[in-house]
Amino acid sequence: MEERTACKSVFRDGKREPTKEQVTETWIALIREMEQTKASLGGTK
């Protein structure tokens, strides 16, 4: 089983600020993960 952390940095590339593309890709990944979790739990809210 994959170990999960409560909070992690997703922009660890050495830059001070993430690019718009990085933020967008991170939001897409988060939304997909939430949708998959909801589907696996059988929820449709």
Protein backbone atom coordinates (compact mmCIF):
# COMPACT_ATOMS: atom_id res chain seq x y z
CA MET A 1 0.00 0.00 0.00
CA GLU A 2 1.27 3.47 -0.84
CA GLU A 3 2.36 5.57 2.12
CA ARG A 4 0.67 8.97 2.23
CA THR A 5 1.81 12.14 3.91
CA ALA A 6 -0.57 14.77 5.21
CA CYS A 7 1.26 17.59 3.51
CA LYS A 8 4.03 17.64 0.94
CA SER A 9 5.69 20.09 -1.39
CA VAL A 10 4.83 19.40 -5.00
CA PHE A 11 7.04 22.18 -6.37
CA ARG A 12 10.51 21.06 -5.27
CA ASP A 13 12.45 22.06 -8.35
CA GLY A 14 14.54 24.80 -6.73
CA LYS A 15 12.50 27.72 -8.03
CA ARG A 16 10.97 30.29 -5.73
CA GLU A 17 7.54 30.21 -7.32
CA PRO A 18 5.80 27.51 -9.32
CA THR A 19 4.86 28.17 -12.92
CA LYS A 20 1.22 28.41 -13.96
CA GLU A 21 1.63 25.09 -15.74
CA GLN A 22 2.87 23.41 -12.55
CA VAL A 23 -0.07 24.75 -10.57
CA THR A 24 -2.53 23.65 -13.25
CA GLU A 25 -1.05 20.14 -13.49
CA THR A 26 -1.10 19.80 -9.70
CA TRP A 27 -4.79 20.82 -9.54
CA ILE A 28 -5.63 18.34 -12.31
CA ALA A 29 -3.86 15.54 -10.44
CA LEU A 30 -5.63 16.45 -7.18
CA ILE A 31 -9.05 16.51 -8.83
CA ARG A 32 -8.42 13.15 -10.51
CA GLU A 33 -7.32 11.64 -7.20
CA MET A 34 -10.43 12.97 -5.45
CA GLU A 35 -12.68 11.60 -8.20
CA GLN A 36 -11.01 8.18 -8.06
CA THR A 37 -11.35 8.07 -4.28
CA LYS A 38 -15.01 9.05 -4.48
CA ALA A 39 -15.65 6.39 -7.15
CA SER A 40 -13.89 3.69 -5.16
CA LEU A 41 -15.98 4.52 -2.10
CA GLY A 42 -19.16 4.34 -4.15
CA GLY A 43 -20.04 7.96 -3.47
CA THR A 44 -21.81 10.15 -5.99
CA LYS A 45 -22.02 13.42 -4.08
